[in-house]
Each structure stands twice: as structure tokens, then as C-alpha cells.
mmCIF file of all heavy atoms, coordinates in Angstrom:
data_MODEL
# 
_entry.id   MODEL 
# 
loop_
_atom_site.group_PDB 
_atom_site.id 
_atom_site.type_symbol 
_atom_site.label_atom_id 
_atom_site.label_alt_id 
_atom_site.label_comp_id 
_atom_site.label_asym_id 
_atom_site.label_entity_id 
_atom_site.label_seq_id 
_atom_site.pdbx_PDB_ins_code 
_atom_site.Cartn_x 
_atom_site.Cartn_y 
_atom_site.Cartn_z 
_atom_site.occupancy 
_atom_site.B_iso_or_equiv 
_atom_site.pdbx_formal_charge 
_atom_site.auth_seq_id 
_atom_site.auth_comp_id 
_atom_site.auth_asym_id 
_atom_site.auth_atom_id 
_atom_site.pdbx_PDB_model_num 
ATOM 1   N N   . HIS A 1 1  ? 94.220  112.771 93.243 1.00 0.00 ? 1  HIS A N   1 
ATOM 2   C CA  . HIS A 1 1  ? 94.736  113.122 91.893 1.00 0.00 ? 1  HIS A CA  1 
ATOM 3   C C   . HIS A 1 1  ? 96.185  113.585 91.980 1.00 0.00 ? 1  HIS A C   1 
ATOM 4   O O   . HIS A 1 1  ? 97.025  113.161 91.158 1.00 0.00 ? 1  HIS A O   1 
ATOM 5   C CB  . HIS A 1 1  ? 93.872  114.191 91.254 1.00 0.00 ? 1  HIS A CB  1 
ATOM 6   C CG  . HIS A 1 1  ? 94.393  114.773 89.988 1.00 0.00 ? 1  HIS A CG  1 
ATOM 7   N ND1 . HIS A 1 1  ? 94.395  114.012 88.806 1.00 0.00 ? 1  HIS A ND1 1 
ATOM 8   C CD2 . HIS A 1 1  ? 94.991  115.942 89.692 1.00 0.00 ? 1  HIS A CD2 1 
ATOM 9   C CE1 . HIS A 1 1  ? 94.933  114.723 87.852 1.00 0.00 ? 1  HIS A CE1 1 
ATOM 10  N NE2 . HIS A 1 1  ? 95.291  115.903 88.347 1.00 0.00 ? 1  HIS A NE2 1 
ATOM 11  N N   . GLN A 1 2  ? 96.492  114.434 92.961 1.00 0.00 ? 2  GLN A N   1 
ATOM 12  C CA  . GLN A 1 2  ? 97.856  114.922 93.114 1.00 0.00 ? 2  GLN A CA  1 
ATOM 13  C C   . GLN A 1 2  ? 98.776  113.769 93.418 1.00 0.00 ? 2  GLN A C   1 
ATOM 14  O O   . GLN A 1 2  ? 99.943  113.735 92.951 1.00 0.00 ? 2  GLN A O   1 
ATOM 15  C CB  . GLN A 1 2  ? 97.905  115.975 94.261 1.00 0.00 ? 2  GLN A CB  1 
ATOM 16  C CG  . GLN A 1 2  ? 97.096  117.225 93.982 1.00 0.00 ? 2  GLN A CG  1 
ATOM 17  C CD  . GLN A 1 2  ? 97.527  117.927 92.684 1.00 0.00 ? 2  GLN A CD  1 
ATOM 18  O OE1 . GLN A 1 2  ? 98.724  118.005 92.381 1.00 0.00 ? 2  GLN A OE1 1 
ATOM 19  N NE2 . GLN A 1 2  ? 96.547  118.474 91.969 1.00 0.00 ? 2  GLN A NE2 1 
ATOM 20  N N   . SER A 1 3  ? 98.328  112.826 94.238 1.00 0.00 ? 3  SER A N   1 
ATOM 21  C CA  . SER A 1 3  ? 99.159  111.659 94.539 1.00 0.00 ? 3  SER A CA  1 
ATOM 22  C C   . SER A 1 3  ? 99.444  110.831 93.270 1.00 0.00 ? 3  SER A C   1 
ATOM 23  O O   . SER A 1 3  ? 100.543 110.333 93.083 1.00 0.00 ? 3  SER A O   1 
ATOM 24  C CB  . SER A 1 3  ? 98.488  110.805 95.601 1.00 0.00 ? 3  SER A CB  1 
ATOM 25  O OG  . SER A 1 3  ? 99.297  109.749 96.031 1.00 0.00 ? 3  SER A OG  1 
ATOM 26  N N   . GLU A 1 4  ? 98.408  110.668 92.435 1.00 0.00 ? 4  GLU A N   1 
ATOM 27  C CA  . GLU A 1 4  ? 98.587  109.906 91.178 1.00 0.00 ? 4  GLU A CA  1 
ATOM 28  C C   . GLU A 1 4  ? 99.588  110.586 90.256 1.00 0.00 ? 4  GLU A C   1 
ATOM 29  O O   . GLU A 1 4  ? 100.352 109.933 89.560 1.00 0.00 ? 4  GLU A O   1 
ATOM 30  C CB  . GLU A 1 4  ? 97.246  109.724 90.502 1.00 0.00 ? 4  GLU A CB  1 
ATOM 31  C CG  . GLU A 1 4  ? 96.351  108.735 91.205 1.00 0.00 ? 4  GLU A CG  1 
ATOM 32  C CD  . GLU A 1 4  ? 94.997  108.551 90.528 1.00 0.00 ? 4  GLU A CD  1 
ATOM 33  O OE1 . GLU A 1 4  ? 94.607  109.465 89.733 1.00 0.00 ? 4  GLU A OE1 1 
ATOM 34  O OE2 . GLU A 1 4  ? 94.343  107.558 90.763 1.00 0.00 ? 4  GLU A OE2 1 
ATOM 35  N N   . LEU A 1 5  ? 99.548  111.932 90.216 1.00 0.00 ? 5  LEU A N   1 
ATOM 36  C CA  . LEU A 1 5  ? 100.534 112.654 89.382 1.00 0.00 ? 5  LEU A CA  1 
ATOM 37  C C   . LEU A 1 5  ? 101.960 112.366 89.828 1.00 0.00 ? 5  LEU A C   1 
ATOM 38  O O   . LEU A 1 5  ? 102.885 112.255 88.983 1.00 0.00 ? 5  LEU A O   1 
ATOM 39  C CB  . LEU A 1 5  ? 100.258 114.149 89.472 1.00 0.00 ? 5  LEU A CB  1 
ATOM 40  C CG  . LEU A 1 5  ? 99.010  114.671 88.746 1.00 0.00 ? 5  LEU A CG  1 
ATOM 41  C CD1 . LEU A 1 5  ? 98.782  116.153 89.052 1.00 0.00 ? 5  LEU A CD1 1 
ATOM 42  C CD2 . LEU A 1 5  ? 99.161  114.475 87.246 1.00 0.00 ? 5  LEU A CD2 1 
ATOM 43  N N   . LYS A 1 6  ? 102.128 112.190 91.125 1.00 0.00 ? 6  LYS A N   1 
ATOM 44  C CA  . LYS A 1 6  ? 103.456 111.857 91.621 1.00 0.00 ? 6  LYS A CA  1 
ATOM 45  C C   . LYS A 1 6  ? 103.799 110.385 91.370 1.00 0.00 ? 6  LYS A C   1 
ATOM 46  O O   . LYS A 1 6  ? 104.968 110.038 91.040 1.00 0.00 ? 6  LYS A O   1 
ATOM 47  C CB  . LYS A 1 6  ? 103.549 112.134 93.117 1.00 0.00 ? 6  LYS A CB  1 
ATOM 48  C CG  . LYS A 1 6  ? 105.008 112.207 93.635 1.00 0.00 ? 6  LYS A CG  1 
ATOM 49  C CD  . LYS A 1 6  ? 105.049 112.914 94.939 1.00 0.00 ? 6  LYS A CD  1 
ATOM 50  C CE  . LYS A 1 6  ? 106.517 113.201 95.312 1.00 0.00 ? 6  LYS A CE  1 
ATOM 51  N NZ  . LYS A 1 6  ? 106.637 113.967 96.582 1.00 0.00 ? 6  LYS A NZ  1 
ATOM 52  N N   . MET A 1 7  ? 102.802 109.504 91.428 1.00 0.00 ? 7  MET A N   1 
ATOM 53  C CA  . MET A 1 7  ? 102.992 108.084 91.185 1.00 0.00 ? 7  MET A CA  1 
ATOM 54  C C   . MET A 1 7  ? 103.586 107.847 89.800 1.00 0.00 ? 7  MET A C   1 
ATOM 55  O O   . MET A 1 7  ? 104.478 107.038 89.620 1.00 0.00 ? 7  MET A O   1 
ATOM 56  C CB  . MET A 1 7  ? 101.687 107.309 91.327 1.00 0.00 ? 7  MET A CB  1 
ATOM 57  C CG  . MET A 1 7  ? 101.189 107.135 92.754 1.00 0.00 ? 7  MET A CG  1 
ATOM 58  S SD  . MET A 1 7  ? 99.490  106.545 92.795 1.00 0.00 ? 7  MET A SD  1 
ATOM 59  C CE  . MET A 1 7  ? 99.626  104.961 92.053 1.00 0.00 ? 7  MET A CE  1 
ATOM 60  N N   . VAL A 1 8  ? 103.064 108.536 88.801 1.00 0.00 ? 8  VAL A N   1 
ATOM 61  C CA  . VAL A 1 8  ? 103.536 108.316 87.434 1.00 0.00 ? 8  VAL A CA  1 
ATOM 62  C C   . VAL A 1 8  ? 104.937 108.839 87.221 1.00 0.00 ? 8  VAL A C   1 
ATOM 63  O O   . VAL A 1 8  ? 105.567 108.524 86.192 1.00 0.00 ? 8  VAL A O   1 
ATOM 64  C CB  . VAL A 1 8  ? 102.540 108.899 86.366 1.00 0.00 ? 8  VAL A CB  1 
ATOM 65  C CG1 . VAL A 1 8  ? 101.181 108.257 86.495 1.00 0.00 ? 8  VAL A CG1 1 
ATOM 66  C CG2 . VAL A 1 8  ? 102.462 110.403 86.480 1.00 0.00 ? 8  VAL A CG2 1 
ATOM 67  N N   . GLN A 1 9  ? 105.424 109.645 88.144 1.00 0.00 ? 9  GLN A N   1 
ATOM 68  C CA  . GLN A 1 9  ? 106.799 110.151 88.029 1.00 0.00 ? 9  GLN A CA  1 
ATOM 69  C C   . GLN A 1 9  ? 107.802 109.180 88.649 1.00 0.00 ? 9  GLN A C   1 
ATOM 70  O O   . GLN A 1 9  ? 108.925 109.027 88.175 1.00 0.00 ? 9  GLN A O   1 
ATOM 71  C CB  . GLN A 1 9  ? 106.889 111.507 88.686 1.00 0.00 ? 9  GLN A CB  1 
ATOM 72  C CG  . GLN A 1 9  ? 106.093 112.604 88.022 1.00 0.00 ? 9  GLN A CG  1 
ATOM 73  C CD  . GLN A 1 9  ? 106.136 113.888 88.822 1.00 0.00 ? 9  GLN A CD  1 
ATOM 74  O OE1 . GLN A 1 9  ? 106.941 114.080 89.717 1.00 0.00 ? 9  GLN A OE1 1 
ATOM 75  N NE2 . GLN A 1 9  ? 105.233 114.825 88.487 1.00 0.00 ? 9  GLN A NE2 1 
ATOM 76  N N   . ILE A 1 10 ? 107.413 108.514 89.727 1.00 0.00 ? 10 ILE A N   1 
ATOM 77  C CA  . ILE A 1 10 ? 108.384 107.723 90.505 1.00 0.00 ? 10 ILE A CA  1 
ATOM 78  C C   . ILE A 1 10 ? 108.375 106.226 90.119 1.00 0.00 ? 10 ILE A C   1 
ATOM 79  O O   . ILE A 1 10 ? 109.344 105.527 90.362 1.00 0.00 ? 10 ILE A O   1 
ATOM 80  C CB  . ILE A 1 10 ? 108.150 107.859 92.017 1.00 0.00 ? 10 ILE A CB  1 
ATOM 81  C CG1 . ILE A 1 10 ? 106.818 107.297 92.424 1.00 0.00 ? 10 ILE A CG1 1 
ATOM 82  C CG2 . ILE A 1 10 ? 108.288 109.312 92.413 1.00 0.00 ? 10 ILE A CG2 1 
ATOM 83  C CD1 . ILE A 1 10 ? 106.584 107.274 93.910 1.00 0.00 ? 10 ILE A CD1 1 
ATOM 84  N N   . GLY A 1 11 ? 107.261 105.738 89.556 1.00 0.00 ? 11 GLY A N   1 
ATOM 85  C CA  . GLY A 1 11 ? 107.212 104.325 89.252 1.00 0.00 ? 11 GLY A CA  1 
ATOM 86  C C   . GLY A 1 11 ? 108.060 103.907 88.065 1.00 0.00 ? 11 GLY A C   1 
ATOM 87  O O   . GLY A 1 11 ? 108.412 104.743 87.197 1.00 0.00 ? 11 GLY A O   1 
ATOM 88  N N   . ASP A 1 12 ? 108.434 102.641 88.018 1.00 0.00 ? 12 ASP A N   1 
ATOM 89  C CA  . ASP A 1 12 ? 109.249 102.134 86.906 1.00 0.00 ? 12 ASP A CA  1 
ATOM 90  C C   . ASP A 1 12 ? 108.363 101.599 85.760 1.00 0.00 ? 12 ASP A C   1 
ATOM 91  O O   . ASP A 1 12 ? 108.759 101.657 84.618 1.00 0.00 ? 12 ASP A O   1 
ATOM 92  C CB  . ASP A 1 12 ? 110.169 101.021 87.402 1.00 0.00 ? 12 ASP A CB  1 
ATOM 93  C CG  . ASP A 1 12 ? 111.222 101.536 88.371 1.00 0.00 ? 12 ASP A CG  1 
ATOM 94  O OD1 . ASP A 1 12 ? 111.919 102.514 88.035 1.00 0.00 ? 12 ASP A OD1 1 
ATOM 95  O OD2 . ASP A 1 12 ? 111.333 100.989 89.510 1.00 0.00 ? 12 ASP A OD2 1 
ATOM 96  N N   . HIS A 1 13 ? 107.267 101.009 86.136 1.00 0.00 ? 13 HIS A N   1 
ATOM 97  C CA  . HIS A 1 13 ? 106.380 100.387 85.154 1.00 0.00 ? 13 HIS A CA  1 
ATOM 98  C C   . HIS A 1 13 ? 104.960 100.400 85.698 1.00 0.00 ? 13 HIS A C   1 
ATOM 99  O O   . HIS A 1 13 ? 104.774 100.227 86.894 1.00 0.00 ? 13 HIS A O   1 
ATOM 100 C CB  . HIS A 1 13 ? 106.834 98.938  84.913 1.00 0.00 ? 13 HIS A CB  1 
ATOM 101 C CG  . HIS A 1 13 ? 106.280 98.310  83.648 1.00 0.00 ? 13 HIS A CG  1 
ATOM 102 N ND1 . HIS A 1 13 ? 107.082 97.823  82.651 1.00 0.00 ? 13 HIS A ND1 1 
ATOM 103 C CD2 . HIS A 1 13 ? 105.008 98.093  83.205 1.00 0.00 ? 13 HIS A CD2 1 
ATOM 104 C CE1 . HIS A 1 13 ? 106.335 97.377  81.642 1.00 0.00 ? 13 HIS A CE1 1 
ATOM 105 N NE2 . HIS A 1 13 ? 105.046 97.530  82.001 1.00 0.00 ? 13 HIS A NE2 1 
ATOM 106 N N   . PHE A 1 14 ? 103.979 100.645 84.820 1.00 0.00 ? 14 PHE A N   1 
ATOM 107 C CA  . PHE A 1 14 ? 102.586 100.731 85.272 1.00 0.00 ? 14 PHE A CA  1 
ATOM 108 C C   . PHE A 1 14 ? 101.743 99.684  84.589 1.00 0.00 ? 14 PHE A C   1 
ATOM 109 O O   . PHE A 1 14 ? 101.915 99.357  83.435 1.00 0.00 ? 14 PHE A O   1 
ATOM 110 C CB  . PHE A 1 14 ? 102.055 102.161 84.958 1.00 0.00 ? 14 PHE A CB  1 
ATOM 111 C CG  . PHE A 1 14 ? 102.930 103.224 85.551 1.00 0.00 ? 14 PHE A CG  1 
ATOM 112 C CD1 . PHE A 1 14 ? 103.809 103.918 84.753 1.00 0.00 ? 14 PHE A CD1 1 
ATOM 113 C CD2 . PHE A 1 14 ? 102.874 103.504 86.904 1.00 0.00 ? 14 PHE A CD2 1 
ATOM 114 C CE1 . PHE A 1 14 ? 104.593 104.931 85.256 1.00 0.00 ? 14 PHE A CE1 1 
ATOM 115 C CE2 . PHE A 1 14 ? 103.704 104.492 87.444 1.00 0.00 ? 14 PHE A CE2 1 
ATOM 116 C CZ  . PHE A 1 14 ? 104.547 105.194 86.652 1.00 0.00 ? 14 PHE A CZ  1 
ATOM 117 N N   . ILE A 1 15 ? 100.800 99.184  85.377 1.00 0.00 ? 15 ILE A N   1 
ATOM 118 C CA  . ILE A 1 15 ? 99.801  98.226  84.880 1.00 0.00 ? 15 ILE A CA  1 
ATOM 119 C C   . ILE A 1 15 ? 98.456  98.910  84.944 1.00 0.00 ? 15 ILE A C   1 
ATOM 120 O O   . ILE A 1 15 ? 98.087  99.460  85.998 1.00 0.00 ? 15 ILE A O   1 
ATOM 121 C CB  . ILE A 1 15 ? 99.784  96.920  85.689 1.00 0.00 ? 15 ILE A CB  1 
ATOM 122 C CG1 . ILE A 1 15 ? 101.137 96.197  85.493 1.00 0.00 ? 15 ILE A CG1 1 
ATOM 123 C CG2 . ILE A 1 15 ? 98.649  96.043  85.276 1.00 0.00 ? 15 ILE A CG2 1 
ATOM 124 C CD1 . ILE A 1 15 ? 101.285 94.942  86.367 1.00 0.00 ? 15 ILE A CD1 1 
ATOM 125 N N   . ALA A 1 16 ? 97.724  98.901  83.850 1.00 0.00 ? 16 ALA A N   1 
ATOM 126 C CA  . ALA A 1 16 ? 96.350  99.387  83.831 1.00 0.00 ? 16 ALA A CA  1 
ATOM 127 C C   . ALA A 1 16 ? 95.421  98.200  83.703 1.00 0.00 ? 16 ALA A C   1 
ATOM 128 O O   . ALA A 1 16 ? 95.690  97.288  82.908 1.00 0.00 ? 16 ALA A O   1 
ATOM 129 C CB  . ALA A 1 16 ? 96.135  100.372 82.654 1.00 0.00 ? 16 ALA A CB  1 
ATOM 130 N N   . VAL A 1 17 ? 94.281  98.195  84.422 1.00 0.00 ? 17 VAL A N   1 
ATOM 131 C CA  . VAL A 1 17 ? 93.422  97.067  84.393 1.00 0.00 ? 17 VAL A CA  1 
ATOM 132 C C   . VAL A 1 17 ? 92.478  97.031  83.161 1.00 0.00 ? 17 VAL A C   1 
ATOM 133 O O   . VAL A 1 17 ? 91.777  96.048  82.936 1.00 0.00 ? 17 VAL A O   1 
ATOM 134 C CB  . VAL A 1 17 ? 92.553  96.995  85.685 1.00 0.00 ? 17 VAL A CB  1 
ATOM 135 C CG1 . VAL A 1 17 ? 93.447  96.788  86.900 1.00 0.00 ? 17 VAL A CG1 1 
ATOM 136 C CG2 . VAL A 1 17 ? 91.669  98.206  85.810 1.00 0.00 ? 17 VAL A CG2 1 
ATOM 137 N N   . SER A 1 18 ? 92.534  98.103  82.389 1.00 0.00 ? 18 SER A N   1 
ATOM 138 C CA  . SER A 1 18 ? 91.716  98.122  81.146 1.00 0.00 ? 18 SER A CA  1 
ATOM 139 C C   . SER A 1 18 ? 92.348  99.127  80.173 1.00 0.00 ? 18 SER A C   1 
ATOM 140 O O   . SER A 1 18 ? 93.177  99.966  80.556 1.00 0.00 ? 18 SER A O   1 
ATOM 141 C CB  . SER A 1 18 ? 90.289  98.573  81.445 1.00 0.00 ? 18 SER A CB  1 
ATOM 142 O OG  . SER A 1 18 ? 90.225  99.898  81.954 1.00 0.00 ? 18 SER A OG  1 
ATOM 143 N N   . GLN A 1 19 ? 91.953  98.999  78.926 1.00 0.00 ? 19 GLN A N   1 
ATOM 144 C CA  . GLN A 1 19 ? 92.415  99.946  77.900 1.00 0.00 ? 19 GLN A CA  1 
ATOM 145 C C   . GLN A 1 19 ? 91.914  101.338 78.252 1.00 0.00 ? 19 GLN A C   1 
ATOM 146 O O   . GLN A 1 19 ? 92.599  102.356 77.993 1.00 0.00 ? 19 GLN A O   1 
ATOM 147 C CB  . GLN A 1 19 ? 91.909  99.541  76.524 1.00 0.00 ? 19 GLN A CB  1 
ATOM 148 C CG  . GLN A 1 19 ? 92.485  98.264  75.981 1.00 0.00 ? 19 GLN A CG  1 
ATOM 149 C CD  . GLN A 1 19 ? 93.948  98.370  75.626 1.00 0.00 ? 19 GLN A CD  1 
ATOM 150 O OE1 . GLN A 1 19 ? 94.512  99.498  75.524 1.00 0.00 ? 19 GLN A OE1 1 
ATOM 151 N NE2 . GLN A 1 19 ? 94.588  97.237  75.412 1.00 0.00 ? 19 GLN A NE2 1 
ATOM 152 N N   . ALA A 1 20 ? 90.729  101.441 78.842 1.00 0.00 ? 20 ALA A N   1 
ATOM 153 C CA  . ALA A 1 20 ? 90.184  102.733 79.233 1.00 0.00 ? 20 ALA A CA  1 
ATOM 154 C C   . ALA A 1 20 ? 91.063  103.439 80.250 1.00 0.00 ? 20 ALA A C   1 
ATOM 155 O O   . ALA A 1 20 ? 91.363  104.650 80.147 1.00 0.00 ? 20 ALA A O   1 
ATOM 156 C CB  . ALA A 1 20 ? 88.768  102.579 79.794 1.00 0.00 ? 20 ALA A CB  1 
ATOM 157 N N   . ILE A 1 21 ? 91.556  102.690 81.220 1.00 0.00 ? 21 ILE A N   1 
ATOM 158 C CA  . ILE A 1 21 ? 92.456  103.290 82.222 1.00 0.00 ? 21 ILE A CA  1 
ATOM 159 C C   . ILE A 1 21 ? 93.803  103.640 81.637 1.00 0.00 ? 21 ILE A C   1 
ATOM 160 O O   . ILE A 1 21 ? 94.389  104.678 81.927 1.00 0.00 ? 21 ILE A O   1 
ATOM 161 C CB  . ILE A 1 21 ? 92.604  102.338 83.414 1.00 0.00 ? 21 ILE A CB  1 
ATOM 162 C CG1 . ILE A 1 21 ? 91.276  102.177 84.167 1.00 0.00 ? 21 ILE A CG1 1 
ATOM 163 C CG2 . ILE A 1 21 ? 93.710  102.876 84.379 1.00 0.00 ? 21 ILE A CG2 1 
ATOM 164 C CD1 . ILE A 1 21 ? 90.730  103.482 84.738 1.00 0.00 ? 21 ILE A CD1 1 
ATOM 165 N N   . SER A 1 22 ? 94.287  102.794 80.747 1.00 0.00 ? 22 SER A N   1 
ATOM 166 C CA  . SER A 1 22 ? 95.561  103.083 80.041 1.00 0.00 ? 22 SER A CA  1 
ATOM 167 C C   . SER A 1 22 ? 95.454  104.380 79.288 1.00 0.00 ? 22 SER A C   1 
ATOM 168 O O   . SER A 1 22 ? 96.369  105.230 79.303 1.00 0.00 ? 22 SER A O   1 
ATOM 169 C CB  . SER A 1 22 ? 95.915  101.918 79.069 1.00 0.00 ? 22 SER A CB  1 
ATOM 170 O OG  . SER A 1 22 ? 97.094  102.231 78.369 1.00 0.00 ? 22 SER A OG  1 
ATOM 171 N N   . HIS A 1 23 ? 94.359  104.583 78.633 1.00 0.00 ? 23 HIS A N   1 
ATOM 172 C CA  . HIS A 1 23 ? 94.163  105.820 77.879 1.00 0.00 ? 23 HIS A CA  1 
ATOM 173 C C   . HIS A 1 23 ? 94.168  107.049 78.793 1.00 0.00 ? 23 HIS A C   1 
ATOM 174 O O   . HIS A 1 23 ? 94.779  108.063 78.485 1.00 0.00 ? 23 HIS A O   1 
ATOM 175 C CB  . HIS A 1 23 ? 92.781  105.745 77.137 1.00 0.00 ? 23 HIS A CB  1 
ATOM 176 C CG  . HIS A 1 23 ? 92.404  107.017 76.437 1.00 0.00 ? 23 HIS A CG  1 
ATOM 177 N ND1 . HIS A 1 23 ? 92.969  107.455 75.265 1.00 0.00 ? 23 HIS A ND1 1 
ATOM 178 C CD2 . HIS A 1 23 ? 91.489  107.973 76.760 1.00 0.00 ? 23 HIS A CD2 1 
ATOM 179 C CE1 . HIS A 1 23 ? 92.438  108.575 74.900 1.00 0.00 ? 23 HIS A CE1 1 
ATOM 180 N NE2 . HIS A 1 23 ? 91.519  108.932 75.795 1.00 0.00 ? 23 HIS A NE2 1 
ATOM 181 N N   . GLU A 1 24 ? 93.489  106.912 79.943 1.00 0.00 ? 24 GLU A N   1 
ATOM 182 C CA  . GLU A 1 24 ? 93.398  108.049 80.843 1.00 0.00 ? 24 GLU A CA  1 
ATOM 183 C C   . GLU A 1 24 ? 94.727  108.365 81.534 1.00 0.00 ? 24 GLU A C   1 
ATOM 184 O O   . GLU A 1 24 ? 94.979  109.464 81.985 1.00 0.00 ? 24 GLU A O   1 
ATOM 185 C CB  . GLU A 1 24 ? 92.298  107.805 81.912 1.00 0.00 ? 24 GLU A CB  1 
ATOM 186 C CG  . GLU A 1 24 ? 90.935  107.668 81.350 1.00 0.00 ? 24 GLU A CG  1 
ATOM 187 C CD  . GLU A 1 24 ? 90.505  108.851 80.472 1.00 0.00 ? 24 GLU A CD  1 
ATOM 188 O OE1 . GLU A 1 24 ? 91.045  109.945 80.694 1.00 0.00 ? 24 GLU A OE1 1 
ATOM 189 O OE2 . GLU A 1 24 ? 89.632  108.677 79.592 1.00 0.00 ? 24 GLU A OE2 1 
# 
């Protein structure tokens, strides 16, 4: 979870495989 928090800070663009994941 801590790694994911950092991922959303450094990435330029994100792909979610479902609307459910996009929401989360």
C-alpha cells in the first residue's frame, strides 16, 4: 500500500483495468 501511494505521485498517467479499480 505504501508503495502504491508513492506510485500515484511519480507516474505520469495511470491505467485501471476496471471502473472499480479506477474508483479505488
